[in-house]
Amino acid sequence: MRFFYTALQAGRLQFIEKKIKRRCDLRIDHIGYLVKNIDRAAADFVSLGYAPRGEAQYDEARHADIAFLDNGAYVVELVAPRGESSVAWKLLKRNGVGPYHICYEASDMDEADRTLREQGYVRMLDKQPAPALGGRAVAFYTGRNMGMIELVEAGGE
């Protein structure tokens, strides 16, 4: 299978051919935002036309408050770490508030995991249930050209 990527070279677009053995069947589920205060951040998103998707929840495994908001076209996940024991704490301290990952829904988590790792992604956190996503499994990866991504198993809203 061949895909074409564009690169800006000498002021014009040029096509670069790259062979990829396998391709993931993914769709964007949500965009994750690091925030300091879940209530203030949610209020800001509401003022931009987003509506809360249920109540904010505490995720014990990640030591963070999590809330989802939806504007009909996009879903955002607000993640507010509750101290230094949170995985997201260092990211918030280093990068500040703002988007930090894109989450993709995978119809087959194991196949998507294999494909991503073949393409050079590094799994940061193994698959585990996410209470704020109805217990669906999630896993986090980082790629040198994409930054952090999250996979979530299909089956949610």
Protein backbone atom coordinates (compact mmCIF):
# COMPACT_ATOMS: atom_id res chain seq x y z
CA MET A 1 0.00 0.00 0.00
CA ARG A 2 1.39 3.43 -0.89
CA PHE A 3 0.60 6.79 0.66
CA PHE A 4 1.80 10.20 -0.40
CA TYR A 5 2.91 12.91 1.99
CA THR A 6 3.66 16.48 1.02
CA ALA A 7 6.71 18.45 2.03
CA LEU A 8 7.53 22.08 1.34
CA GLN A 9 10.79 22.23 -0.58
CA ALA A 10 12.18 25.22 -2.47
CA GLY A 11 8.88 27.07 -2.11
CA ARG A 12 6.71 24.41 -3.74
CA LEU A 13 4.97 21.24 -2.70
CA GLN A 14 6.66 18.00 -3.56
CA PHE A 15 5.28 14.51 -3.13
CA ILE A 16 7.30 12.00 -1.18
CA GLU A 17 6.50 8.33 -1.54
CA LYS A 18 6.55 6.18 1.58
CA LYS A 19 5.67 2.52 1.85
CA ILE A 20 3.57 1.45 4.82
CA LYS A 21 2.88 -2.24 5.41
CA ARG A 22 -0.31 -1.78 7.42
CA ARG A 23 -2.74 0.99 8.12
CA CYS A 24 -4.81 1.57 11.26
CA ASP A 25 -8.58 1.88 10.94
CA LEU A 26 -9.07 4.77 13.36
CA ARG A 27 -11.37 7.75 13.77
CA ILE A 28 -10.91 10.74 16.05
CA ASP A 29 -12.83 10.32 19.31
CA HIS A 30 -11.76 13.44 21.21
CA ILE A 31 -9.03 15.99 21.87
CA GLY A 32 -7.48 15.96 25.34
CA TYR A 33 -6.79 19.27 27.10
CA LEU A 34 -4.67 19.70 30.20
CA VAL A 35 -6.26 22.20 32.57
CA LYS A 36 -5.59 23.47 36.07
CA ASN A 37 -9.23 23.75 37.18
CA ILE A 38 -11.90 21.56 35.65
CA ASP A 39 -14.84 23.85 36.53
CA ARG A 40 -13.27 27.05 35.15
CA ALA A 41 -12.08 25.29 31.98
CA ALA A 42 -15.52 23.71 31.45
CA ALA A 43 -17.16 27.14 31.83
CA ASP A 44 -14.84 28.53 29.15
CA PHE A 45 -15.73 25.70 26.75
CA VAL A 46 -19.46 26.16 27.49
CA SER A 47 -19.07 29.84 26.50
CA LEU A 48 -17.68 28.58 23.15
CA GLY A 49 -20.80 26.47 22.49
CA TYR A 50 -19.82 23.16 24.09
CA ALA A 51 -22.19 21.21 26.33
CA PRO A 52 -21.08 18.92 29.16
CA ARG A 53 -21.35 15.18 28.53
CA GLY A 54 -22.34 14.03 31.97
CA GLU A 55 -20.62 14.97 35.21
CA ALA A 56 -16.90 15.40 35.78
CA GLN A 57 -15.35 12.25 37.27
CA TYR A 58 -12.31 11.48 39.33
CA ASP A 59 -10.05 8.91 37.67
CA GLU A 60 -8.25 7.17 40.51
CA ALA A 61 -5.66 5.45 38.29
CA ARG A 62 -4.63 8.74 36.68
CA HIS A 63 -5.17 10.90 39.81
CA ALA A 64 -7.08 13.47 37.77
CA ASP A 65 -10.51 14.99 37.38
CA ILE A 66 -11.88 14.37 33.90
CA ALA A 67 -14.81 15.93 32.06
CA PHE A 68 -16.05 15.64 28.49
CA LEU A 69 -17.75 18.39 26.51
CA ASP A 70 -19.27 18.23 23.04
CA ASN A 71 -20.27 20.89 20.50
CA GLY A 72 -21.80 18.50 17.96
CA ALA A 73 -18.71 18.44 15.76
CA TYR A 74 -15.93 17.94 18.32
CA VAL A 75 -15.51 16.35 21.73
CA VAL A 76 -12.94 17.65 24.21
CA GLU A 77 -11.67 15.88 27.31
CA LEU A 78 -10.58 18.15 30.14
CA VAL A 79 -7.91 16.59 32.37
CA ALA A 80 -7.06 18.34 35.65
CA PRO A 81 -4.32 16.53 37.60
CA ARG A 82 -4.77 16.39 41.38
CA GLY A 83 -1.15 16.69 42.36
CA GLU A 84 2.29 15.30 41.64
CA SER A 85 1.15 11.66 41.68
CA SER A 86 -0.82 12.26 38.47
CA VAL A 87 0.76 11.20 35.18
CA ALA A 88 -0.49 14.48 33.69
CA TRP A 89 1.08 16.65 36.43
CA LYS A 90 4.54 16.90 34.81
CA LEU A 91 2.99 17.61 31.42
CA LEU A 92 0.92 20.43 32.88
CA LYS A 93 3.95 21.89 34.68
CA ARG A 94 6.15 21.64 31.56
CA ASN A 95 3.66 22.65 28.85
CA GLY A 96 0.93 24.57 30.67
CA VAL A 97 -2.76 24.36 29.82
CA GLY A 98 -3.88 23.40 26.34
CA PRO A 99 -4.37 20.44 24.02
CA TYR A 100 -1.94 17.57 24.60
CA HIS A 101 -3.29 14.49 22.86
CA ILE A 102 -5.68 13.32 20.18
CA CYS A 103 -7.66 10.20 21.01
CA TYR A 104 -8.53 7.75 18.25
CA GLU A 105 -11.21 5.10 18.48
CA ALA A 106 -9.99 1.67 17.39
CA SER A 107 -12.31 -1.12 16.32
CA ASP A 108 -9.54 -3.61 17.19
CA MET A 109 -7.21 -2.36 19.95
CA ASP A 110 -4.73 -5.23 19.61
CA GLU A 111 -4.37 -4.78 15.86
CA ALA A 112 -4.03 -1.00 16.22
CA ASP A 113 -1.39 -1.52 18.93
CA ARG A 114 0.65 -3.82 16.66
CA THR A 115 0.37 -1.45 13.71
CA LEU A 116 1.37 1.62 15.68
CA ARG A 117 4.35 -0.11 17.24
CA GLU A 118 5.47 -1.38 13.80
CA GLN A 119 5.37 2.24 12.63
CA GLY A 120 7.66 3.33 15.46
CA TYR A 121 5.21 4.49 18.09
CA VAL A 122 6.17 3.79 21.68
CA ARG A 123 3.43 2.63 24.05
CA MET A 124 3.65 4.83 27.15
CA LEU A 125 0.84 3.29 29.17
CA ASP A 126 -0.55 -0.20 28.71
CA LYS A 127 -4.19 -0.83 27.95
CA GLN A 128 -6.40 -0.20 30.98
CA PRO A 129 -10.04 0.73 31.63
CA ALA A 130 -10.96 4.42 31.70
CA PRO A 131 -13.84 5.16 34.09
CA ALA A 132 -14.65 8.46 32.37
CA LEU A 133 -15.15 6.54 29.10
CA GLY A 134 -17.56 3.99 30.52
CA GLY A 135 -14.77 1.55 31.36
CA ARG A 136 -13.60 1.22 27.76
CA ALA A 137 -9.92 0.33 27.44
CA VAL A 138 -7.41 3.06 26.58
CA ALA A 139 -3.68 3.07 25.85
CA PHE A 140 -1.26 5.96 25.27
CA TYR A 141 1.50 6.20 22.67
CA THR A 142 4.04 8.72 21.50
CA GLY A 143 5.44 9.11 18.02
CA ARG A 144 8.31 11.30 16.93
CA ASN A 145 6.20 13.00 14.23
CA MET A 146 2.83 13.04 15.99
CA GLY A 147 3.41 13.59 19.70
CA MET A 148 1.06 11.84 22.12
CA ILE A 149 -1.98 9.90 20.99
CA GLU A 150 -4.51 7.81 22.88
CA LEU A 151 -6.38 4.79 21.59
CA VAL A 152 -9.80 3.94 22.97
CA GLU A 153 -11.69 0.77 22.16
CA ALA A 154 -14.80 1.23 20.05
CA GLY A 155 -18.20 0.98 21.61
CA GLY A 156 -18.91 4.32 23.30
CA GLU A 157 -21.20 7.21 22.48
